[in-house]
């Protein structure tokens, strides 16, 4: 979870997120994760720029009472499938702190592959940490030269 994400998460934080997520001009790839008509988390993609314009970082969170029920995995699978169906993205990736094996398992179950570890690449709660990068590509059989 990035530092920009409020903690503790309040009702006014939720209202602000919903306002942003429903403004399709600003954030067309931000969604609530819903269970029984209740928002229990969030998921989104942030497209890269310049030479990384065909890649996007995926981020997600899920309320603790909903952990361990394959909800996050289903959400990651769904947004991945949809992104590859309707956008020109070729690669989606996620950065996970080394102390979060549950999130790594979510990505692995959704078909993402561990690419490597970024040593001492993030600070959380004042602690310098390693992050693990996971990624998936639209079609691993595509040639590396892409005509635009």
Protein backbone atom coordinates (compact mmCIF):
# COMPACT_ATOMS: atom_id res chain seq x y z
CA UNK A 1 0.00 0.00 0.00
CA UNK A 2 1.44 3.35 -1.00
CA UNK A 3 1.79 6.17 1.53
CA UNK A 4 -0.78 8.23 -0.38
CA UNK A 5 -3.45 5.75 0.72
CA UNK A 6 -5.09 7.06 3.91
CA UNK A 7 -4.60 5.04 7.08
CA UNK A 8 -6.79 4.76 8.98
CA UNK A 9 -9.30 4.85 6.12
CA UNK A 10 -12.32 7.01 7.01
CA UNK A 11 -15.76 7.45 5.49
CA UNK A 12 -14.68 10.82 4.06
CA UNK A 13 -11.69 9.06 2.42
CA UNK A 14 -14.14 6.62 0.84
CA UNK A 15 -16.32 9.49 -0.42
CA UNK A 16 -13.29 11.20 -1.97
CA UNK A 17 -12.18 7.97 -3.65
CA UNK A 18 -15.66 7.34 -5.05
CA UNK A 19 -15.77 10.87 -6.48
CA UNK A 20 -12.42 10.30 -8.21
CA UNK A 21 -13.23 6.78 -9.38
CA UNK A 22 -16.49 7.85 -11.00
CA UNK A 23 -14.85 10.70 -12.92
CA UNK A 24 -14.00 8.70 -16.05
CA UNK A 25 -12.04 11.58 -17.59
CA UNK A 26 -9.57 11.46 -14.70
CA UNK A 27 -9.49 7.82 -13.65
CA UNK A 28 -11.17 5.41 -16.07
CA UNK A 29 -9.41 2.38 -14.61
CA UNK A 30 -10.34 2.67 -10.92
CA UNK A 31 -12.99 0.30 -9.62
CA UNK A 32 -14.53 -0.78 -6.37
CA UNK A 33 -14.30 -4.45 -5.46
CA UNK A 34 -17.83 -5.42 -4.55
CA UNK A 35 -19.26 -8.33 -2.58
CA UNK A 36 -23.03 -8.58 -2.14
CA UNK A 37 -23.56 -4.97 -3.25
CA UNK A 38 -20.99 -3.73 -0.71
CA UNK A 39 -17.69 -2.08 -1.64
CA UNK A 40 -15.01 -4.09 0.18
CA UNK A 41 -11.90 -2.89 -1.63
CA UNK A 42 -10.52 -1.17 -4.68
CA UNK A 43 -8.50 -1.97 -7.79
CA UNK A 44 -7.04 0.11 -10.57
CA UNK A 45 -4.43 0.60 -13.25
CA UNK A 46 -2.05 3.50 -13.71
CA UNK A 47 -0.75 3.71 -17.26
CA UNK A 48 2.90 4.41 -17.86
CA UNK A 49 4.12 7.38 -19.84
CA UNK A 50 6.55 7.89 -22.73
CA UNK A 51 8.39 4.63 -23.48
CA UNK A 52 6.23 2.81 -20.90
CA UNK A 53 2.93 3.92 -22.47
CA UNK A 54 1.91 0.33 -23.27
CA UNK A 55 2.43 -0.78 -19.65
CA UNK A 56 0.40 -0.11 -16.53
CA UNK A 57 0.88 -0.67 -12.82
CA UNK A 58 -1.92 -2.55 -11.11
CA UNK A 59 -2.81 -1.76 -7.51
CA UNK A 60 -5.48 -3.21 -5.27
CA UNK A 61 -6.57 -3.45 -1.68
CA UNK A 62 -9.18 -5.48 0.17
CA UNK A 63 -10.73 -5.03 3.60
CA UNK A 64 -9.29 -7.50 6.08
CA UNK A 65 -12.59 -9.33 6.77
CA UNK A 66 -12.55 -10.39 3.09
CA UNK A 67 -9.00 -11.76 2.95
CA UNK A 68 -8.43 -15.42 2.06
CA UNK A 69 -11.60 -15.82 -0.01
CA UNK A 70 -10.07 -15.44 -3.53
CA UNK A 71 -11.84 -12.09 -3.94
CA UNK A 72 -8.64 -10.18 -4.71
CA UNK A 73 -7.51 -12.87 -7.14
CA UNK A 74 -10.81 -12.68 -9.02
CA UNK A 75 -10.57 -8.89 -9.16
CA UNK A 76 -6.99 -9.01 -10.49
CA UNK A 77 -7.96 -11.62 -13.09
CA UNK A 78 -10.97 -9.55 -14.16
CA UNK A 79 -9.21 -6.21 -14.58
CA UNK A 80 -6.27 -7.93 -16.33
CA UNK A 81 -8.52 -9.68 -18.82
CA UNK A 82 -10.53 -6.51 -19.50
CA UNK A 83 -7.43 -4.32 -19.90
CA UNK A 84 -5.99 -6.68 -22.50
CA UNK A 85 -9.35 -6.89 -24.32
CA UNK A 86 -10.09 -3.17 -24.66
CA UNK A 87 -6.79 -1.25 -24.42
CA UNK A 88 -3.46 -1.19 -26.22
CA UNK A 89 -1.63 -2.27 -23.06
CA UNK A 90 0.86 -5.11 -23.49
CA UNK A 91 2.14 -5.42 -19.92
CA UNK A 92 0.69 -5.06 -16.44
CA UNK A 93 2.91 -5.13 -13.36
CA UNK A 94 2.70 -4.84 -9.60
CA UNK A 95 5.20 -3.96 -6.90
CA UNK A 96 4.80 -5.87 -3.62
CA UNK A 97 6.70 -5.32 -0.37
CA UNK A 98 8.65 -8.43 0.61
CA UNK A 99 6.68 -8.79 3.83
CA UNK A 100 3.40 -9.32 1.91
CA UNK A 101 3.40 -12.94 0.66
CA UNK A 102 -0.42 -12.97 0.53
CA UNK A 103 -0.39 -10.30 -2.19
CA UNK A 104 2.31 -12.23 -4.06
CA UNK A 105 0.07 -15.30 -3.97
CA UNK A 106 -2.86 -13.28 -5.35
CA UNK A 107 -0.74 -12.22 -8.32
CA UNK A 108 0.68 -15.69 -8.91
CA UNK A 109 -2.80 -17.25 -8.86
CA UNK A 110 -3.92 -14.60 -11.37
CA UNK A 111 -1.13 -15.62 -13.78
CA UNK A 112 1.45 -12.94 -12.98
CA UNK A 113 5.10 -13.97 -12.98
CA UNK A 114 7.74 -12.89 -10.48
CA UNK A 115 10.35 -10.89 -12.39
CA UNK A 116 12.74 -9.92 -9.64
CA UNK A 117 13.42 -8.00 -6.47
CA UNK A 118 14.11 -4.28 -6.28
CA UNK A 119 16.56 -4.02 -3.39
CA UNK A 120 15.94 -1.26 -0.81
CA UNK A 121 13.54 0.42 -3.21
CA UNK A 122 10.69 1.56 -1.00
CA UNK A 123 10.11 3.15 2.37
CA UNK A 124 7.08 2.19 4.44
CA UNK A 125 6.51 3.43 7.97
CA UNK A 126 10.08 4.74 8.03
CA UNK A 127 11.63 1.38 7.11
CA UNK A 128 13.66 0.86 3.92
CA UNK A 129 12.32 -2.27 2.21
CA UNK A 130 12.78 -4.52 -0.79
CA UNK A 131 9.94 -4.84 -3.30
CA UNK A 132 9.15 -7.78 -5.57
CA UNK A 133 7.98 -7.08 -9.13
CA UNK A 134 5.31 -9.26 -10.73
CA UNK A 135 4.10 -8.87 -14.31
CA UNK A 136 1.92 -10.38 -16.99
CA UNK A 137 1.95 -9.69 -20.71
CA UNK A 138 -0.92 -9.72 -23.16
CA UNK A 139 0.62 -12.40 -25.34
CA UNK A 140 3.97 -13.84 -24.37
CA UNK A 141 4.32 -15.14 -27.96
CA UNK A 142 4.30 -11.66 -29.50
CA UNK A 143 7.50 -10.54 -31.17
CA UNK A 144 9.50 -7.88 -29.35
CA UNK A 145 9.17 -5.39 -32.22
CA UNK A 146 5.84 -3.56 -32.07
CA UNK A 147 4.80 -1.30 -34.94
CA UNK A 148 2.69 1.72 -33.96
